Amino acid sequence: NADGKGNIRKEELYHACTTLKIPRQQIRILDHPDLQDGFDNTWSSILIAKILKEEIATWGIDLLITFDSYGISGHRNHRDVRNGI
């Protein structure tokens, strides 16, 4: 919810998933107290890895697409997600 754009980003995600034919029931918006969006917030790669491992097992995921080591515009949270993956 950086810059208060959480609802906008959620709708963008839903639209992208519709385009990719991903069923809405397979979309999970995570609102974890230790993973709040913000340019000055650092996320634990260990926590991200744990959450992703559970999701991968639950949904039988065999492909992850993520950010490069820079993240979009250098956003710290983007880099943290990549490190968790």
C-alpha atoms as a PDB file:
ATOM      1  CA  ASN A   1       0.000   0.000   0.000  1.00  0.00           C
ATOM      2  CA  ALA A   2       2.908   2.347  -0.669  1.00  0.00           C
ATOM      3  CA  ASP A   3       1.656   5.865  -1.323  1.00  0.00           C
ATOM      4  CA  GLY A   4      -1.886   4.658  -0.497  1.00  0.00           C
ATOM      5  CA  LYS A   5      -2.212   2.858  -3.846  1.00  0.00           C
ATOM      6  CA  GLY A   6      -3.091  -0.578  -2.442  1.00  0.00           C
ATOM      7  CA  ASN A   7      -6.609  -0.689  -3.889  1.00  0.00           C
ATOM      8  CA  ILE A   8      -5.379   0.510  -7.285  1.00  0.00           C
ATOM      9  CA  ARG A   9      -2.664  -2.165  -7.312  1.00  0.00           C
ATOM     10  CA  LYS A  10      -5.186  -4.832  -6.289  1.00  0.00           C
ATOM     11  CA  GLU A  11      -7.458  -3.944  -9.212  1.00  0.00           C
ATOM     12  CA  GLU A  12      -4.464  -3.945 -11.560  1.00  0.00           C
ATOM     13  CA  LEU A  13      -3.595  -7.437 -10.324  1.00  0.00           C
ATOM     14  CA  TYR A  14      -7.144  -8.692 -10.856  1.00  0.00           C
ATOM     15  CA  HIS A  15      -7.177  -7.237 -14.367  1.00  0.00           C
ATOM     16  CA  ALA A  16      -3.824  -8.838 -15.238  1.00  0.00           C
ATOM     17  CA  CYS A  17      -4.990 -12.200 -13.898  1.00  0.00           C
ATOM     18  CA  THR A  18      -8.199 -11.986 -15.920  1.00  0.00           C
ATOM     19  CA  THR A  19      -6.120 -11.347 -19.034  1.00  0.00           C
ATOM     20  CA  LEU A  20      -3.935 -14.360 -18.177  1.00  0.00           C
ATOM     21  CA  LYS A  21      -7.037 -16.488 -17.420  1.00  0.00           C
ATOM     22  CA  ILE A  22      -6.036 -17.050 -13.802  1.00  0.00           C
ATOM     23  CA  PRO A  23      -9.153 -17.874 -11.749  1.00  0.00           C
ATOM     24  CA  ARG A  24      -9.934 -15.303  -9.070  1.00  0.00           C
ATOM     25  CA  GLN A  25     -10.069 -17.990  -6.363  1.00  0.00           C
ATOM     26  CA  GLN A  26      -6.379 -18.635  -7.048  1.00  0.00           C
ATOM     27  CA  ILE A  27      -5.407 -15.033  -6.346  1.00  0.00           C
ATOM     28  CA  ARG A  28      -4.153 -14.329  -2.866  1.00  0.00           C
ATOM     29  CA  ILE A  29      -3.598 -10.803  -1.613  1.00  0.00           C
ATOM     30  CA  LEU A  30      -1.228 -11.034   1.325  1.00  0.00           C
ATOM     31  CA  ASP A  31      -1.556  -8.457   4.114  1.00  0.00           C
ATOM     32  CA  HIS A  32       1.123  -9.673   6.509  1.00  0.00           C
ATOM     33  CA  PRO A  33       2.192  -7.306   9.322  1.00  0.00           C
ATOM     34  CA  ASP A  34       5.876  -7.964   8.576  1.00  0.00           C
ATOM     35  CA  LEU A  35       5.470  -7.423   4.816  1.00  0.00           C
ATOM     36  CA  GLN A  36       3.961  -3.965   4.576  1.00  0.00           C
ATOM     37  CA  ASP A  37       4.760  -2.136   1.351  1.00  0.00           C
ATOM     38  CA  GLY A  38       6.988   0.865   1.680  1.00  0.00           C
ATOM     39  CA  PHE A  39      10.127   2.250   0.137  1.00  0.00           C
ATOM     40  CA  ASP A  40      11.894   2.212   3.516  1.00  0.00           C
ATOM     41  CA  ASN A  41      10.619  -1.203   4.695  1.00  0.00           C
ATOM     42  CA  THR A  42      12.852  -4.261   4.432  1.00  0.00           C
ATOM     43  CA  TRP A  43      11.160  -7.658   4.100  1.00  0.00           C
ATOM     44  CA  SER A  44      12.584 -10.907   5.403  1.00  0.00           C
ATOM     45  CA  SER A  45      13.613 -13.212   2.566  1.00  0.00           C
ATOM     46  CA  ILE A  46      13.214 -16.125   4.988  1.00  0.00           C
ATOM     47  CA  LEU A  47       9.579 -15.178   5.687  1.00  0.00           C
ATOM     48  CA  ILE A  48       8.885 -14.704   1.971  1.00  0.00           C
ATOM     49  CA  ALA A  49      10.430 -18.098   1.191  1.00  0.00           C
ATOM     50  CA  LYS A  50       8.306 -19.765   3.903  1.00  0.00           C
ATOM     51  CA  ILE A  51       5.074 -18.231   2.599  1.00  0.00           C
ATOM     52  CA  LEU A  52       5.922 -19.096  -1.003  1.00  0.00           C
ATOM     53  CA  LYS A  53       6.809 -22.673  -0.090  1.00  0.00           C
ATOM     54  CA  GLU A  54       3.346 -23.089   1.457  1.00  0.00           C
ATOM     55  CA  GLU A  55       1.625 -21.556  -1.585  1.00  0.00           C
ATOM     56  CA  ILE A  56       3.641 -23.695  -3.993  1.00  0.00           C
ATOM     57  CA  ALA A  57       2.645 -26.844  -2.104  1.00  0.00           C
ATOM     58  CA  THR A  58      -1.022 -25.798  -1.832  1.00  0.00           C
ATOM     59  CA  TRP A  59      -1.470 -24.896  -5.493  1.00  0.00           C
ATOM     60  CA  GLY A  60       1.070 -27.204  -7.165  1.00  0.00           C
ATOM     61  CA  ILE A  61       2.880 -24.209  -8.639  1.00  0.00           C
ATOM     62  CA  ASP A  62       5.701 -25.098 -11.025  1.00  0.00           C
ATOM     63  CA  LEU A  63       6.693 -21.655 -12.292  1.00  0.00           C
ATOM     64  CA  LEU A  64       7.465 -18.359 -10.563  1.00  0.00           C
ATOM     65  CA  ILE A  65       8.062 -15.082 -12.340  1.00  0.00           C
ATOM     66  CA  THR A  66       9.669 -12.348 -10.317  1.00  0.00           C
ATOM     67  CA  PHE A  67      11.732  -9.186 -10.443  1.00  0.00           C
ATOM     68  CA  ASP A  68      15.380  -8.985 -11.425  1.00  0.00           C
ATOM     69  CA  SER A  69      18.001  -8.091  -8.805  1.00  0.00           C
ATOM     70  CA  TYR A  70      17.264  -4.369  -9.223  1.00  0.00           C
ATOM     71  CA  GLY A  71      13.481  -4.574  -8.891  1.00  0.00           C
ATOM     72  CA  ILE A  72      11.283  -2.132 -10.741  1.00  0.00           C
ATOM     73  CA  SER A  73      12.837   1.305 -10.186  1.00  0.00           C
ATOM     74  CA  GLY A  74      15.044  -0.147  -7.455  1.00  0.00           C
ATOM     75  CA  HIS A  75      12.113  -0.706  -5.072  1.00  0.00           C
ATOM     76  CA  ARG A  76      13.478  -2.457  -1.981  1.00  0.00           C
ATOM     77  CA  ASN A  77      10.402  -4.689  -1.574  1.00  0.00           C
ATOM     78  CA  HIS A  78      10.760  -5.925  -5.178  1.00  0.00           C
ATOM     79  CA  ARG A  79      14.344  -6.928  -4.435  1.00  0.00           C
ATOM     80  CA  ASP A  80      13.268  -8.603  -1.195  1.00  0.00           C
ATOM     81  CA  VAL A  81      10.686 -10.712  -3.059  1.00  0.00           C
ATOM     82  CA  ARG A  82      13.332 -11.821  -5.544  1.00  0.00           C
ATOM     83  CA  ASN A  83      15.661 -12.765  -2.697  1.00  0.00           C
ATOM     84  CA  GLY A  84      12.888 -14.770  -1.033  1.00  0.00           C
ATOM     85  CA  ILE A  85      12.219 -16.695  -4.222  1.00  0.00           C
END
